[in-house]
Amino acid sequence: MTDIPALQTTQPVKTVTVVSGNLFDIAARYLGDARQWNRVARLNGMADPFFSGIYVLRLPAVDKNASTDGILYG
């Protein structure tokens, strides 16, 4: 997995422990929009939406107005 610099945030974040999966499912479940997987990726310094093993992921606050096209920008 290629790491990217983590997104810095001053908002409180929630954490979840997950075992293998992908960030599309995580974003859909917790943020209500699979296209926002990139917000989860940036907050956790991840570039690959697919992962295996046990992870404690930080989740950004739900933002229905977050502008995203589902593409991860470095």
PDB file of N, CA and C in Angstrom:
ATOM      1  N   MET A   1       0.847  -1.169   0.000  1.00  0.00           N
ATOM      2  CA  MET A   1       0.000   0.000   0.000  1.00  0.00           C
ATOM      3  C   MET A   1       0.894   1.233   0.000  1.00  0.00           C
ATOM      4  N   THR A   2       0.587   2.152  -0.891  1.00  0.00           N
ATOM      5  CA  THR A   2       1.323   3.402  -0.976  1.00  0.00           C
ATOM      6  C   THR A   2       0.678   4.411  -0.044  1.00  0.00           C
ATOM      7  N   ASP A   3       1.492   5.028   0.769  1.00  0.00           N
ATOM      8  CA  ASP A   3       0.968   6.008   1.709  1.00  0.00           C
ATOM      9  C   ASP A   3       1.075   7.409   1.121  1.00  0.00           C
ATOM     10  N   ILE A   4       0.124   8.254   1.476  1.00  0.00           N
ATOM     11  CA  ILE A   4       0.157   9.661   1.107  1.00  0.00           C
ATOM     12  C   ILE A   4       0.066  10.466   2.387  1.00  0.00           C
ATOM     13  N   PRO A   5       0.453  11.729   2.360  1.00  0.00           N
ATOM     14  CA  PRO A   5       0.347  12.536   3.580  1.00  0.00           C
ATOM     15  C   PRO A   5      -1.090  12.580   4.083  1.00  0.00           C
ATOM     16  N   ALA A   6      -1.262  12.418   5.362  1.00  0.00           N
ATOM     17  CA  ALA A   6      -2.605  12.401   5.960  1.00  0.00           C
ATOM     18  C   ALA A   6      -3.225  13.788   5.935  1.00  0.00           C
ATOM     19  N   LEU A   7      -4.512  13.810   5.717  1.00  0.00           N
ATOM     20  CA  LEU A   7      -5.276  15.045   5.761  1.00  0.00           C
ATOM     21  C   LEU A   7      -5.339  15.524   7.205  1.00  0.00           C
ATOM     22  N   GLN A   8      -5.062  16.777   7.408  1.00  0.00           N
ATOM     23  CA  GLN A   8      -5.138  17.357   8.748  1.00  0.00           C
ATOM     24  C   GLN A   8      -6.533  17.935   8.953  1.00  0.00           C
ATOM     25  N   THR A   9      -7.108  17.710  10.111  1.00  0.00           N
ATOM     26  CA  THR A   9      -8.442  18.223  10.389  1.00  0.00           C
ATOM     27  C   THR A   9      -8.529  18.698  11.826  1.00  0.00           C
ATOM     28  N   THR A  10      -9.319  19.735  12.037  1.00  0.00           N
ATOM     29  CA  THR A  10      -9.538  20.220  13.397  1.00  0.00           C
ATOM     30  C   THR A  10     -10.881  19.734  13.922  1.00  0.00           C
ATOM     31  N   GLN A  11     -11.665  19.071  13.055  1.00  0.00           N
ATOM     32  CA  GLN A  11     -12.949  18.539  13.471  1.00  0.00           C
ATOM     33  C   GLN A  11     -12.750  17.244  14.246  1.00  0.00           C
ATOM     34  N   PRO A  12     -13.619  16.980  15.207  1.00  0.00           N
ATOM     35  CA  PRO A  12     -13.535  15.706  15.915  1.00  0.00           C
ATOM     36  C   PRO A  12     -13.774  14.568  14.933  1.00  0.00           C
ATOM     37  N   VAL A  13     -13.059  13.493  15.116  1.00  0.00           N
ATOM     38  CA  VAL A  13     -13.225  12.350  14.227  1.00  0.00           C
ATOM     39  C   VAL A  13     -13.645  11.126  15.020  1.00  0.00           C
ATOM     40  N   LYS A  14     -14.362  10.266  14.339  1.00  0.00           N
ATOM     41  CA  LYS A  14     -14.779   8.992  14.900  1.00  0.00           C
ATOM     42  C   LYS A  14     -13.796   7.938  14.406  1.00  0.00           C
ATOM     43  N   THR A  15     -13.573   6.900  15.170  1.00  0.00           N
ATOM     44  CA  THR A  15     -12.727   5.807  14.710  1.00  0.00           C
ATOM     45  C   THR A  15     -13.540   4.517  14.668  1.00  0.00           C
ATOM     46  N   VAL A  16     -13.182   3.659  13.725  1.00  0.00           N
ATOM     47  CA  VAL A  16     -13.792   2.343  13.621  1.00  0.00           C
ATOM     48  C   VAL A  16     -12.681   1.331  13.389  1.00  0.00           C
ATOM     49  N   THR A  17     -12.849   0.147  13.930  1.00  0.00           N
ATOM     50  CA  THR A  17     -11.908  -0.938  13.697  1.00  0.00           C
ATOM     51  C   THR A  17     -12.528  -1.862  12.666  1.00  0.00           C
ATOM     52  N   VAL A  18     -11.789  -2.113  11.601  1.00  0.00           N
ATOM     53  CA  VAL A  18     -12.288  -2.941  10.511  1.00  0.00           C
ATOM     54  C   VAL A  18     -11.278  -4.025  10.175  1.00  0.00           C
ATOM     55  N   VAL A  19     -11.785  -5.119   9.649  1.00  0.00           N
ATOM     56  CA  VAL A  19     -10.930  -6.228   9.233  1.00  0.00           C
ATOM     57  C   VAL A  19     -11.101  -6.413   7.742  1.00  0.00           C
ATOM     58  N   SER A  20     -10.065  -6.094   6.997  1.00  0.00           N
ATOM     59  CA  SER A  20     -10.066  -6.219   5.540  1.00  0.00           C
ATOM     60  C   SER A  20     -11.292  -5.559   4.924  1.00  0.00           C
ATOM     61  N   GLY A  21     -11.164  -5.134   3.703  1.00  0.00           N
ATOM     62  CA  GLY A  21     -12.296  -4.526   3.023  1.00  0.00           C
ATOM     63  C   GLY A  21     -11.854  -3.446   2.077  1.00  0.00           C
ATOM     64  N   ASN A  22     -12.731  -2.459   1.918  1.00  0.00           N
ATOM     65  CA  ASN A  22     -12.400  -1.349   1.032  1.00  0.00           C
ATOM     66  C   ASN A  22     -13.045  -0.064   1.552  1.00  0.00           C
ATOM     67  N   LEU A  23     -12.441   1.033   1.160  1.00  0.00           N
ATOM     68  CA  LEU A  23     -12.891   2.329   1.653  1.00  0.00           C
ATOM     69  C   LEU A  23     -14.194   2.785   1.023  1.00  0.00           C
ATOM     70  N   PHE A  24     -14.573   2.194  -0.108  1.00  0.00           N
ATOM     71  CA  PHE A  24     -15.864   2.521  -0.713  1.00  0.00           C
ATOM     72  C   PHE A  24     -16.987   2.103   0.226  1.00  0.00           C
ATOM     73  N   ASP A  25     -16.891   0.867   0.737  1.00  0.00           N
ATOM     74  CA  ASP A  25     -17.901   0.368   1.677  1.00  0.00           C
ATOM     75  C   ASP A  25     -17.912   1.177   2.972  1.00  0.00           C
ATOM     76  N   ILE A  26     -16.733   1.509   3.463  1.00  0.00           N
ATOM     77  CA  ILE A  26     -16.622   2.285   4.712  1.00  0.00           C
ATOM     78  C   ILE A  26     -17.287   3.654   4.525  1.00  0.00           C
ATOM     79  N   ALA A  27     -16.973   4.331   3.408  1.00  0.00           N
ATOM     80  CA  ALA A  27     -17.550   5.653   3.151  1.00  0.00           C
ATOM     81  C   ALA A  27     -19.066   5.567   2.969  1.00  0.00           C
ATOM     82  N   ALA A  28     -19.516   4.543   2.282  1.00  0.00           N
ATOM     83  CA  ALA A  28     -20.962   4.387   2.082  1.00  0.00           C
ATOM     84  C   ALA A  28     -21.669   4.164   3.419  1.00  0.00           C
ATOM     85  N   ARG A  29     -21.088   3.324   4.254  1.00  0.00           N
ATOM     86  CA  ARG A  29     -21.721   2.985   5.533  1.00  0.00           C
ATOM     87  C   ARG A  29     -21.707   4.155   6.509  1.00  0.00           C
ATOM     88  N   TYR A  30     -20.567   4.823   6.643  1.00  0.00           N
ATOM     89  CA  TYR A  30     -20.433   5.837   7.688  1.00  0.00           C
ATOM     90  C   TYR A  30     -20.638   7.275   7.217  1.00  0.00           C
ATOM     91  N   LEU A  31     -20.439   7.535   5.919  1.00  0.00           N
ATOM     92  CA  LEU A  31     -20.589   8.898   5.402  1.00  0.00           C
ATOM     93  C   LEU A  31     -21.796   9.032   4.483  1.00  0.00           C
ATOM     94  N   GLY A  32     -22.395   7.899   4.120  1.00  0.00           N
ATOM     95  CA  GLY A  32     -23.582   7.939   3.275  1.00  0.00           C
ATOM     96  C   GLY A  32     -23.304   8.138   1.798  1.00  0.00           C
ATOM     97  N   ASP A  33     -22.029   8.026   1.382  1.00  0.00           N
ATOM     98  CA  ASP A  33     -21.673   8.247  -0.016  1.00  0.00           C
ATOM     99  C   ASP A  33     -20.345   7.556  -0.309  1.00  0.00           C
ATOM    100  N   ALA A  34     -20.390   6.484  -1.093  1.00  0.00           N
ATOM    101  CA  ALA A  34     -19.175   5.716  -1.406  1.00  0.00           C
ATOM    102  C   ALA A  34     -18.125   6.557  -2.119  1.00  0.00           C
ATOM    103  N   ARG A  35     -18.570   7.593  -2.867  1.00  0.00           N
ATOM    104  CA  ARG A  35     -17.613   8.444  -3.584  1.00  0.00           C
ATOM    105  C   ARG A  35     -16.725   9.245  -2.648  1.00  0.00           C
ATOM    106  N   GLN A  36     -17.081   9.318  -1.381  1.00  0.00           N
ATOM    107  CA  GLN A  36     -16.270  10.061  -0.418  1.00  0.00           C
ATOM    108  C   GLN A  36     -15.191   9.188   0.229  1.00  0.00           C
ATOM    109  N   TRP A  37     -14.908   8.040  -0.402  1.00  0.00           N
ATOM    110  CA  TRP A  37     -13.847   7.172   0.106  1.00  0.00           C
ATOM    111  C   TRP A  37     -12.525   7.930   0.197  1.00  0.00           C
ATOM    112  N   ASN A  38     -12.342   8.902  -0.705  1.00  0.00           N
ATOM    113  CA  ASN A  38     -11.084   9.651  -0.716  1.00  0.00           C
ATOM    114  C   ASN A  38     -10.902  10.508   0.530  1.00  0.00           C
ATOM    115  N   ARG A  39     -11.992  10.959   1.154  1.00  0.00           N
ATOM    116  CA  ARG A  39     -11.879  11.723   2.403  1.00  0.00           C
ATOM    117  C   ARG A  39     -11.352  10.824   3.513  1.00  0.00           C
ATOM    118  N   VAL A  40     -11.835   9.581   3.540  1.00  0.00           N
ATOM    119  CA  VAL A  40     -11.361   8.604   4.535  1.00  0.00           C
ATOM    120  C   VAL A  40      -9.897   8.276   4.255  1.00  0.00           C
ATOM    121  N   ALA A  41      -9.570   8.060   2.986  1.00  0.00           N
ATOM    122  CA  ALA A  41      -8.191   7.736   2.605  1.00  0.00           C
ATOM    123  C   ALA A  41      -7.231   8.839   3.019  1.00  0.00           C
ATOM    124  N   ARG A  42      -7.562  10.077   2.708  1.00  0.00           N
ATOM    125  CA  ARG A  42      -6.671  11.194   3.043  1.00  0.00           C
ATOM    126  C   ARG A  42      -6.499  11.361   4.540  1.00  0.00           C
ATOM    127  N   LEU A  43      -7.573  11.186   5.286  1.00  0.00           N
ATOM    128  CA  LEU A  43      -7.497  11.338   6.738  1.00  0.00           C
ATOM    129  C   LEU A  43      -6.585  10.286   7.358  1.00  0.00           C
ATOM    130  N   ASN A  44      -6.499   9.127   6.706  1.00  0.00           N
ATOM    131  CA  ASN A  44      -5.697   8.022   7.235  1.00  0.00           C
ATOM    132  C   ASN A  44      -4.372   7.833   6.512  1.00  0.00           C
ATOM    133  N   GLY A  45      -4.044   8.736   5.576  1.00  0.00           N
ATOM    134  CA  GLY A  45      -2.776   8.653   4.862  1.00  0.00           C
ATOM    135  C   GLY A  45      -2.686   7.445   3.946  1.00  0.00           C
ATOM    136  N   MET A  46      -3.817   7.038   3.385  1.00  0.00           N
ATOM    137  CA  MET A  46      -3.869   5.868   2.511  1.00  0.00           C
ATOM    138  C   MET A  46      -4.098   6.303   1.071  1.00  0.00           C
ATOM    139  N   ALA A  47      -3.548   5.547   0.124  1.00  0.00           N
ATOM    140  CA  ALA A  47      -3.775   5.824  -1.288  1.00  0.00           C
ATOM    141  C   ALA A  47      -4.599   4.721  -1.943  1.00  0.00           C
ATOM    142  N   ASP A  48      -4.537   3.532  -1.414  1.00  0.00           N
ATOM    143  CA  ASP A  48      -5.238   2.388  -1.985  1.00  0.00           C
ATOM    144  C   ASP A  48      -6.546   2.165  -1.230  1.00  0.00           C
ATOM    145  N   PRO A  49      -7.683   2.135  -1.914  1.00  0.00           N
ATOM    146  CA  PRO A  49      -8.952   1.945  -1.217  1.00  0.00           C
ATOM    147  C   PRO A  49      -9.179   0.518  -0.719  1.00  0.00           C
ATOM    148  N   PHE A  50      -8.371  -0.421  -1.172  1.00  0.00           N
ATOM    149  CA  PHE A  50      -8.510  -1.810  -0.741  1.00  0.00           C
ATOM    150  C   PHE A  50      -7.441  -2.135   0.295  1.00  0.00           C
ATOM    151  N   PHE A  51      -7.823  -2.850   1.348  1.00  0.00           N
ATOM    152  CA  PHE A  51      -6.875  -3.179   2.400  1.00  0.00           C
ATOM    153  C   PHE A  51      -7.189  -4.547   2.980  1.00  0.00           C
ATOM    154  N   SER A  52      -6.176  -5.146   3.585  1.00  0.00           N
ATOM    155  CA  SER A  52      -6.373  -6.408   4.293  1.00  0.00           C
ATOM    156  C   SER A  52      -5.712  -6.285   5.644  1.00  0.00           C
ATOM    157  N   GLY A  53      -6.205  -7.053   6.578  1.00  0.00           N
ATOM    158  CA  GLY A  53      -5.698  -6.966   7.939  1.00  0.00           C
ATOM    159  C   GLY A  53      -6.618  -6.111   8.790  1.00  0.00           C
ATOM    160  N   ILE A  54      -6.195  -5.869   9.991  1.00  0.00           N
ATOM    161  CA  ILE A  54      -6.984  -5.094  10.945  1.00  0.00           C
ATOM    162  C   ILE A  54      -6.516  -3.646  10.918  1.00  0.00           C
ATOM    163  N   TYR A  55      -7.453  -2.740  10.756  1.00  0.00           N
ATOM    164  CA  TYR A  55      -7.156  -1.313  10.728  1.00  0.00           C
ATOM    165  C   TYR A  55      -8.079  -0.565  11.685  1.00  0.00           C
ATOM    166  N   VAL A  56      -7.537   0.427  12.339  1.00  0.00           N
ATOM    167  CA  VAL A  56      -8.352   1.395  13.074  1.00  0.00           C
ATOM    168  C   VAL A  56      -8.353   2.636  12.196  1.00  0.00           C
ATOM    169  N   LEU A  57      -9.492   2.900  11.591  1.00  0.00           N
ATOM    170  CA  LEU A  57      -9.611   4.019  10.659  1.00  0.00           C
ATOM    171  C   LEU A  57     -10.262   5.218  11.324  1.00  0.00           C
ATOM    172  N   ARG A  58      -9.719   6.371  11.047  1.00  0.00           N
ATOM    173  CA  ARG A  58     -10.337   7.626  11.474  1.00  0.00           C
ATOM    174  C   ARG A  58     -11.324   8.022  10.391  1.00  0.00           C
ATOM    175  N   LEU A  59     -12.496   8.478  10.791  1.00  0.00           N
ATOM    176  CA  LEU A  59     -13.524   8.890   9.846  1.00  0.00           C
ATOM    177  C   LEU A  59     -13.770  10.385   9.964  1.00  0.00           C
ATOM    178  N   PRO A  60     -13.824  11.078   8.827  1.00  0.00           N
ATOM    179  CA  PRO A  60     -14.142  12.506   8.892  1.00  0.00           C
ATOM    180  C   PRO A  60     -15.595  12.694   9.269  1.00  0.00           C
ATOM    181  N   ALA A  61     -15.932  13.876   9.711  1.00  0.00           N
ATOM    182  CA  ALA A  61     -17.322  14.192  10.016  1.00  0.00           C
ATOM    183  C   ALA A  61     -18.151  14.086   8.737  1.00  0.00           C
ATOM    184  N   VAL A  62     -19.383  13.666   8.868  1.00  0.00           N
ATOM    185  CA  VAL A  62     -20.273  13.584   7.720  1.00  0.00           C
ATOM    186  C   VAL A  62     -20.472  14.986   7.166  1.00  0.00           C
ATOM    187  N   ASP A  63     -20.297  15.129   5.874  1.00  0.00           N
ATOM    188  CA  ASP A  63     -20.469  16.414   5.201  1.00  0.00           C
ATOM    189  C   ASP A  63     -21.180  16.152   3.882  1.00  0.00           C
ATOM    190  N   LYS A  64     -22.482  16.335   3.870  1.00  0.00           N
ATOM    191  CA  LYS A  64     -23.285  16.079   2.665  1.00  0.00           C
ATOM    192  C   LYS A  64     -22.914  17.025   1.527  1.00  0.00           C
ATOM    193  N   ASN A  65     -22.253  18.125   1.841  1.00  0.00           N
ATOM    194  CA  ASN A  65     -21.871  19.094   0.822  1.00  0.00           C
ATOM    195  C   ASN A  65     -20.430  18.934   0.360  1.00  0.00           C
ATOM    196  N   ALA A  66     -19.744  17.903   0.854  1.00  0.00           N
ATOM    197  CA  ALA A  66     -18.348  17.706   0.466  1.00  0.00           C
ATOM    198  C   ALA A  66     -18.277  17.497  -1.040  1.00  0.00           C
ATOM    199  N   SER A  67     -17.448  18.266  -1.672  1.00  0.00           N
ATOM    200  CA  SER A  67     -17.278  18.157  -3.118  1.00  0.00           C
ATOM    201  C   SER A  67     -16.304  17.034  -3.407  1.00  0.00           C
ATOM    202  N   THR A  68     -16.783  16.018  -4.081  1.00  0.00           N
ATOM    203  CA  THR A  68     -15.903  14.908  -4.439  1.00  0.00           C
ATOM    204  C   THR A  68     -16.415  14.224  -5.675  1.00  0.00           C
ATOM    205  N   ASP A  69     -15.499  13.804  -6.504  1.00  0.00           N
ATOM    206  CA  ASP A  69     -15.871  13.032  -7.673  1.00  0.00           C
ATOM    207  C   ASP A  69     -15.384  11.596  -7.511  1.00  0.00           C
ATOM    208  N   GLY A  70     -14.910  11.273  -6.301  1.00  0.00           N
ATOM    209  CA  GLY A  70     -14.439   9.928  -6.034  1.00  0.00           C
ATOM    210  C   GLY A  70     -12.991   9.696  -6.433  1.00  0.00           C
ATOM    211  N   ILE A  71     -12.313  10.739  -6.914  1.00  0.00           N
ATOM    212  CA  ILE A  71     -10.914  10.606  -7.329  1.00  0.00           C
ATOM    213  C   ILE A  71     -10.019  11.130  -6.229  1.00  0.00           C
ATOM    214  N   LEU A  72      -8.966  10.379  -5.917  1.00  0.00           N
ATOM    215  CA  LEU A  72      -8.026  10.788  -4.880  1.00  0.00           C
ATOM    216  C   LEU A  72      -6.974  11.704  -5.485  1.00  0.00           C
ATOM    217  N   TYR A  73      -6.921  12.914  -4.990  1.00  0.00           N
ATOM    218  CA  TYR A  73      -5.915  13.878  -5.438  1.00  0.00           C
ATOM    219  C   TYR A  73      -4.802  13.926  -4.418  1.00  0.00           C
ATOM    220  N   GLY A  74      -3.560  13.858  -4.876  1.00  0.00           N
ATOM    221  CA  GLY A  74      -2.400  13.871  -4.005  1.00  0.00           C
ATOM    222  C   GLY A  74      -2.205  15.185  -3.424  1.00  0.00           C
TER     223      GLY A  74
END
